[in-house]
Each structure stands twice: as C-alpha cells, then as structure tokens.
C-alpha cells in the first residue's frame, strides 16, 4: 500500500538508482509529478542529454549581480540586475531597456537565474 511517505521515499530512491544510468548514457533523468493511489504510482520520466544541471540557491547571488532568467516566457536576450534578495525569491530589474524607460521589476525563484 502506498502512502505519502512511501511515495516520497520512492522518488529519492529512484533518483539514487538511476544515477548509474545517467553517467553511462550521459543524460539527466528527472521524474515529473507523481500521481498515486493505494496500489499504483504513475509518473512521467524525462531523460535529457547533457551535463547535470544543479539549480543555484539564493546564497550564490548578491545584490548587483547581472543575471539571465531561464524561463520560456522571458527572452534569452533580456538581462537583469539583482535589486533585492528575499527569503524565497530574488527581485530583479531589467537592464536592457530604452534610456527613457524604467526596466520591469520581477520576483524570480533563484533556480531560474543564471549569472552572466
């Protein structure tokens, strides 16, 4: 019988078990959201070619750092500067705007930021 604790344990055990496959095939294997009931687990798995991406934490950034936002709704040409570091998110301001404009302020989770 599956419980919330058992499903959580399953995810971490699965990630540990596929670590050898990641190295052997040069891919990153990630599990999506797990759906479960008392007898079954359903999950989408994705394998991506390339080195393992380790999401940065807020401690790796400081005010004034120039960053990019790695998100499908933000252009990869847009550059931002860190204005404030909050408990969970980081406040950034767009820097590549017209000289008469003020750049947009956005609160972003640190895992989406990439230093320039």
N, C-alpha and C. Protein backbone atom coordinates (compact mmCIF):
# COMPACT_ATOMS: atom_id res chain seq x y z
N UNK A 1 0.84 -1.18 0.00
CA UNK A 1 0.00 0.00 0.00
C UNK A 1 0.89 1.25 0.00
N UNK A 2 0.60 2.20 -0.90
CA UNK A 2 1.37 3.42 -0.99
C UNK A 2 0.80 4.49 -0.07
N UNK A 3 1.70 5.17 0.62
CA UNK A 3 1.34 6.31 1.45
C UNK A 3 2.17 7.50 0.98
N UNK A 4 1.86 8.67 1.48
CA UNK A 4 2.61 9.87 1.10
C UNK A 4 4.09 9.71 1.43
N UNK A 5 4.40 9.18 2.57
CA UNK A 5 5.80 8.98 2.97
C UNK A 5 6.49 7.98 2.06
N UNK A 6 5.79 6.90 1.70
CA UNK A 6 6.37 5.87 0.85
C UNK A 6 6.62 6.41 -0.56
N UNK A 7 5.73 7.25 -1.07
CA UNK A 7 5.90 7.85 -2.39
C UNK A 7 7.09 8.80 -2.38
N UNK A 8 7.23 9.58 -1.34
CA UNK A 8 8.37 10.49 -1.21
C UNK A 8 9.67 9.70 -1.16
N UNK A 9 9.67 8.62 -0.42
CA UNK A 9 10.84 7.75 -0.34
C UNK A 9 11.13 7.12 -1.69
N UNK A 10 10.08 6.74 -2.43
CA UNK A 10 10.24 6.15 -3.75
C UNK A 10 10.97 7.11 -4.69
N UNK A 11 10.58 8.39 -4.67
CA UNK A 11 11.22 9.38 -5.54
C UNK A 11 12.72 9.47 -5.27
N UNK A 12 13.10 9.59 -4.02
CA UNK A 12 14.52 9.73 -3.69
C UNK A 12 15.28 8.44 -4.01
N UNK A 13 14.68 7.28 -3.74
CA UNK A 13 15.33 6.01 -4.07
C UNK A 13 15.47 5.84 -5.58
N UNK A 14 14.48 6.28 -6.34
CA UNK A 14 14.54 6.19 -7.80
C UNK A 14 15.68 7.04 -8.33
N UNK A 15 15.79 8.28 -7.83
CA UNK A 15 16.87 9.17 -8.29
C UNK A 15 18.24 8.55 -7.99
N UNK A 16 18.39 7.94 -6.83
CA UNK A 16 19.66 7.28 -6.49
C UNK A 16 19.92 6.08 -7.39
N UNK A 17 18.88 5.33 -7.73
CA UNK A 17 19.03 4.13 -8.53
C UNK A 17 19.41 4.44 -9.98
N UNK A 18 18.93 5.56 -10.52
CA UNK A 18 19.23 5.87 -11.92
C UNK A 18 20.52 6.69 -12.08
N UNK A 19 21.20 6.98 -11.01
CA UNK A 19 22.44 7.76 -11.09
C UNK A 19 23.46 7.07 -11.98
N UNK A 20 23.55 5.75 -11.90
CA UNK A 20 24.49 5.00 -12.74
C UNK A 20 24.12 5.11 -14.22
N UNK A 21 22.82 5.04 -14.51
CA UNK A 21 22.37 5.18 -15.90
C UNK A 21 22.66 6.57 -16.45
N UNK A 22 22.52 7.60 -15.60
CA UNK A 22 22.82 8.96 -16.03
C UNK A 22 24.27 9.07 -16.49
N UNK A 23 25.17 8.51 -15.72
CA UNK A 23 26.58 8.55 -16.08
C UNK A 23 26.89 7.70 -17.30
N UNK A 24 26.28 6.54 -17.40
CA UNK A 24 26.55 5.62 -18.50
C UNK A 24 26.11 6.19 -19.84
N UNK A 25 24.95 6.86 -19.87
CA UNK A 25 24.41 7.37 -21.12
C UNK A 25 24.59 8.88 -21.29
N UNK A 26 25.16 9.56 -20.33
CA UNK A 26 25.38 11.00 -20.43
C UNK A 26 24.09 11.80 -20.49
N UNK A 27 23.12 11.42 -19.67
CA UNK A 27 21.84 12.11 -19.64
C UNK A 27 21.48 12.49 -18.21
N UNK A 28 20.51 13.38 -18.08
CA UNK A 28 19.90 13.72 -16.80
C UNK A 28 18.51 13.10 -16.80
N UNK A 29 18.20 12.32 -15.78
CA UNK A 29 16.90 11.68 -15.68
C UNK A 29 16.13 12.34 -14.55
N UNK A 30 14.97 12.90 -14.90
CA UNK A 30 14.14 13.60 -13.93
C UNK A 30 12.75 13.01 -13.91
N UNK A 31 12.18 12.90 -12.73
CA UNK A 31 10.79 12.49 -12.58
C UNK A 31 9.91 13.72 -12.48
N UNK A 32 8.76 13.65 -13.12
CA UNK A 32 7.79 14.72 -13.01
C UNK A 32 6.95 14.54 -11.75
N UNK A 33 5.76 15.08 -11.78
CA UNK A 33 4.83 14.95 -10.66
C UNK A 33 4.36 13.50 -10.55
N UNK A 34 4.35 12.99 -9.35
CA UNK A 34 3.91 11.61 -9.12
C UNK A 34 2.43 11.62 -8.74
N UNK A 35 1.64 10.85 -9.50
CA UNK A 35 0.23 10.61 -9.14
C UNK A 35 0.18 9.22 -8.54
N UNK A 36 -0.59 9.06 -7.48
CA UNK A 36 -0.61 7.75 -6.83
C UNK A 36 -1.93 7.52 -6.12
N UNK A 37 -2.23 6.25 -5.94
CA UNK A 37 -3.32 5.84 -5.05
C UNK A 37 -2.77 4.70 -4.20
N UNK A 38 -3.61 3.97 -3.56
CA UNK A 38 -3.12 2.96 -2.61
C UNK A 38 -2.36 1.82 -3.29
N UNK A 39 -2.58 1.59 -4.60
CA UNK A 39 -1.97 0.44 -5.26
C UNK A 39 -1.05 0.78 -6.42
N UNK A 40 -1.10 2.00 -6.96
CA UNK A 40 -0.31 2.33 -8.14
C UNK A 40 0.38 3.68 -8.01
N UNK A 41 1.48 3.81 -8.75
CA UNK A 41 2.19 5.08 -8.90
C UNK A 41 2.28 5.35 -10.39
N UNK A 42 2.01 6.58 -10.79
CA UNK A 42 2.13 6.99 -12.18
C UNK A 42 2.99 8.25 -12.22
N UNK A 43 3.99 8.24 -13.11
CA UNK A 43 4.90 9.37 -13.17
C UNK A 43 5.47 9.48 -14.58
N UNK A 44 5.75 10.71 -15.02
CA UNK A 44 6.39 10.94 -16.30
C UNK A 44 7.88 11.11 -16.05
N UNK A 45 8.68 10.39 -16.81
CA UNK A 45 10.14 10.48 -16.67
C UNK A 45 10.70 11.14 -17.92
N UNK A 46 11.71 11.99 -17.73
CA UNK A 46 12.33 12.66 -18.86
C UNK A 46 13.84 12.48 -18.75
N UNK A 47 14.48 12.08 -19.86
CA UNK A 47 15.93 11.97 -19.94
C UNK A 47 16.43 13.02 -20.92
N UNK A 48 17.34 13.89 -20.46
CA UNK A 48 17.85 14.99 -21.26
C UNK A 48 19.35 14.82 -21.42
N UNK A 49 19.82 14.88 -22.68
CA UNK A 49 21.25 14.74 -22.94
C UNK A 49 21.98 15.97 -22.43
N UNK A 50 23.12 15.77 -21.79
CA UNK A 50 23.93 16.88 -21.31
C UNK A 50 24.33 16.70 -19.86
N UNK A 51 25.14 17.65 -19.39
CA UNK A 51 25.60 17.59 -18.00
C UNK A 51 24.46 17.90 -17.05
N UNK A 52 24.60 17.39 -15.84
CA UNK A 52 23.57 17.59 -14.81
C UNK A 52 23.51 19.06 -14.41
N UNK A 53 22.31 19.60 -14.44
CA UNK A 53 22.09 20.98 -14.04
C UNK A 53 21.76 21.01 -12.56
N UNK A 54 22.52 21.75 -11.81
CA UNK A 54 22.26 21.92 -10.38
C UNK A 54 21.73 23.33 -10.20
N UNK A 55 20.50 23.43 -9.75
CA UNK A 55 19.85 24.73 -9.59
C UNK A 55 20.57 25.56 -8.53
N UNK A 56 20.87 26.83 -8.85
CA UNK A 56 21.52 27.67 -7.85
C UNK A 56 20.58 28.04 -6.71
N UNK A 57 21.15 28.40 -5.58
CA UNK A 57 20.38 28.85 -4.43
C UNK A 57 20.57 30.35 -4.28
N UNK A 58 19.76 30.96 -3.42
CA UNK A 58 19.85 32.41 -3.23
C UNK A 58 21.18 32.83 -2.63
N UNK A 59 21.87 31.91 -1.93
CA UNK A 59 23.15 32.24 -1.31
C UNK A 59 24.26 32.44 -2.34
N UNK A 60 24.05 31.98 -3.57
CA UNK A 60 25.06 32.11 -4.62
C UNK A 60 24.99 33.46 -5.33
N UNK A 61 23.99 34.28 -4.99
CA UNK A 61 23.81 35.57 -5.64
C UNK A 61 24.00 36.70 -4.63
N UNK A 62 24.36 37.87 -5.16
CA UNK A 62 24.44 39.05 -4.31
C UNK A 62 23.83 40.23 -5.06
N UNK A 63 23.48 41.27 -4.34
CA UNK A 63 22.86 42.44 -4.94
C UNK A 63 23.85 43.07 -5.91
N UNK A 64 23.34 43.40 -7.11
CA UNK A 64 24.17 43.99 -8.15
C UNK A 64 24.65 43.00 -9.19
N UNK A 65 24.48 41.70 -8.96
CA UNK A 65 24.87 40.70 -9.95
C UNK A 65 24.00 40.84 -11.19
N UNK A 66 24.62 40.64 -12.36
CA UNK A 66 23.88 40.64 -13.61
C UNK A 66 23.52 39.19 -13.93
N UNK A 67 22.23 38.98 -14.27
CA UNK A 67 21.73 37.62 -14.47
C UNK A 67 20.81 37.55 -15.70
N UNK A 68 20.58 36.32 -16.14
CA UNK A 68 19.56 36.00 -17.14
C UNK A 68 18.50 35.16 -16.43
N UNK A 69 17.28 35.17 -16.97
CA UNK A 69 16.22 34.35 -16.42
C UNK A 69 15.97 33.21 -17.39
N UNK A 70 16.12 31.99 -16.91
CA UNK A 70 15.95 30.80 -17.74
C UNK A 70 14.49 30.33 -17.64
N UNK A 71 13.62 30.97 -18.42
CA UNK A 71 12.20 30.63 -18.42
C UNK A 71 11.66 30.86 -19.83
N UNK A 72 10.71 30.02 -20.24
CA UNK A 72 10.20 30.10 -21.61
C UNK A 72 9.49 31.41 -21.93
N UNK A 73 8.99 32.12 -20.93
CA UNK A 73 8.27 33.37 -21.18
C UNK A 73 9.17 34.60 -21.15
N UNK A 74 10.47 34.40 -20.88
CA UNK A 74 11.41 35.52 -20.82
C UNK A 74 12.43 35.33 -21.93
N UNK A 75 12.64 36.38 -22.73
CA UNK A 75 13.61 36.31 -23.82
C UNK A 75 15.01 36.06 -23.27
N UNK A 76 15.77 35.22 -23.99
CA UNK A 76 17.14 34.94 -23.53
C UNK A 76 18.08 36.11 -23.81
N UNK A 77 17.59 37.16 -24.47
CA UNK A 77 18.40 38.36 -24.70
C UNK A 77 18.22 39.40 -23.58
N UNK A 78 17.20 39.23 -22.75
CA UNK A 78 16.94 40.17 -21.67
C UNK A 78 17.91 39.95 -20.52
N UNK A 79 18.53 41.04 -20.08
CA UNK A 79 19.45 40.98 -18.95
C UNK A 79 18.83 41.71 -17.76
N UNK A 80 19.19 41.23 -16.57
CA UNK A 80 18.61 41.77 -15.35
C UNK A 80 19.72 41.99 -14.33
N UNK A 81 19.45 42.87 -13.38
CA UNK A 81 20.35 43.10 -12.26
C UNK A 81 19.58 42.82 -10.98
N UNK A 82 20.25 42.19 -10.01
CA UNK A 82 19.60 41.83 -8.75
C UNK A 82 19.46 43.07 -7.88
N UNK A 83 18.23 43.34 -7.45
CA UNK A 83 17.91 44.51 -6.63
C UNK A 83 17.79 44.13 -5.16
N UNK A 84 17.14 43.00 -4.88
CA UNK A 84 16.87 42.61 -3.50
C UNK A 84 16.80 41.08 -3.41
N UNK A 85 17.29 40.53 -2.31
CA UNK A 85 17.22 39.09 -2.07
C UNK A 85 16.27 38.85 -0.91
N UNK A 86 15.13 38.22 -1.20
CA UNK A 86 14.12 37.92 -0.19
C UNK A 86 14.32 36.51 0.35
N UNK A 87 13.42 36.06 1.23
CA UNK A 87 13.53 34.71 1.81
C UNK A 87 13.49 33.62 0.75
N UNK A 88 12.52 33.68 -0.16
CA UNK A 88 12.37 32.64 -1.17
C UNK A 88 12.78 33.10 -2.56
N UNK A 89 12.46 34.33 -2.92
CA UNK A 89 12.68 34.82 -4.26
C UNK A 89 13.70 35.95 -4.29
N UNK A 90 14.11 36.28 -5.51
CA UNK A 90 15.06 37.38 -5.73
C UNK A 90 14.39 38.39 -6.64
N UNK A 91 14.46 39.67 -6.26
CA UNK A 91 13.86 40.73 -7.06
C UNK A 91 14.92 41.24 -8.03
N UNK A 92 14.56 41.25 -9.34
CA UNK A 92 15.48 41.71 -10.37
C UNK A 92 14.83 42.82 -11.17
N UNK A 93 15.68 43.62 -11.84
CA UNK A 93 15.20 44.69 -12.71
C UNK A 93 15.83 44.52 -14.07
N UNK A 94 15.02 44.64 -15.11
CA UNK A 94 15.50 44.52 -16.49
C UNK A 94 16.41 45.69 -16.81
N UNK A 95 17.56 45.40 -17.43
CA UNK A 95 18.54 46.46 -17.69
C UNK A 95 18.61 46.88 -19.15
N UNK A 96 18.29 46.01 -20.08
CA UNK A 96 18.40 46.38 -21.49
C UNK A 96 17.07 46.96 -22.01
N UNK A 97 16.80 48.19 -21.59
CA UNK A 97 15.59 48.92 -22.00
C UNK A 97 16.02 50.26 -22.57
N UNK A 98 15.07 50.99 -23.18
CA UNK A 98 15.36 52.32 -23.70
C UNK A 98 15.86 53.22 -22.57
N UNK A 99 16.66 54.21 -22.92
CA UNK A 99 17.22 55.08 -21.88
C UNK A 99 16.17 55.92 -21.18
N UNK A 100 14.99 56.11 -21.78
CA UNK A 100 13.93 56.89 -21.16
C UNK A 100 12.94 56.01 -20.39
N UNK A 101 13.18 54.70 -20.38
CA UNK A 101 12.26 53.77 -19.72
C UNK A 101 12.87 53.22 -18.44
N UNK A 102 11.99 52.72 -17.60
CA UNK A 102 12.43 52.03 -16.39
C UNK A 102 12.20 50.54 -16.64
N UNK A 103 13.18 49.73 -16.32
CA UNK A 103 13.06 48.30 -16.55
C UNK A 103 12.06 47.66 -15.61
N UNK A 104 11.47 46.59 -16.08
CA UNK A 104 10.47 45.86 -15.29
C UNK A 104 11.12 45.23 -14.06
N UNK A 105 10.40 45.24 -12.95
CA UNK A 105 10.82 44.55 -11.74
C UNK A 105 10.12 43.20 -11.70
N UNK A 106 10.87 42.15 -11.43
CA UNK A 106 10.30 40.80 -11.41
C UNK A 106 10.83 40.07 -10.19
N UNK A 107 9.96 39.34 -9.49
CA UNK A 107 10.38 38.44 -8.43
C UNK A 107 10.56 37.06 -9.04
N UNK A 108 11.75 36.47 -8.86
CA UNK A 108 12.11 35.22 -9.52
C UNK A 108 12.68 34.25 -8.51
N UNK A 109 12.34 32.97 -8.66
CA UNK A 109 12.95 31.94 -7.81
C UNK A 109 14.42 31.78 -8.25
N UNK A 110 15.34 31.63 -7.32
CA UNK A 110 16.76 31.54 -7.67
C UNK A 110 17.11 30.42 -8.63
N UNK A 111 16.33 29.35 -8.67
CA UNK A 111 16.64 28.24 -9.56
C UNK A 111 16.49 28.62 -11.03
N UNK A 112 15.79 29.73 -11.32
CA UNK A 112 15.61 30.17 -12.70
C UNK A 112 16.67 31.18 -13.15
N UNK A 113 17.53 31.60 -12.23
CA UNK A 113 18.53 32.60 -12.57
C UNK A 113 19.84 31.97 -13.03
N UNK A 114 20.52 32.71 -13.91
CA UNK A 114 21.81 32.27 -14.41
C UNK A 114 22.73 33.48 -14.46
N UNK A 115 23.88 33.40 -13.80
CA UNK A 115 24.81 34.52 -13.79
C UNK A 115 25.39 34.74 -15.18
N UNK A 116 25.66 36.02 -15.49
CA UNK A 116 26.28 36.36 -16.77
C UNK A 116 27.78 36.37 -16.60
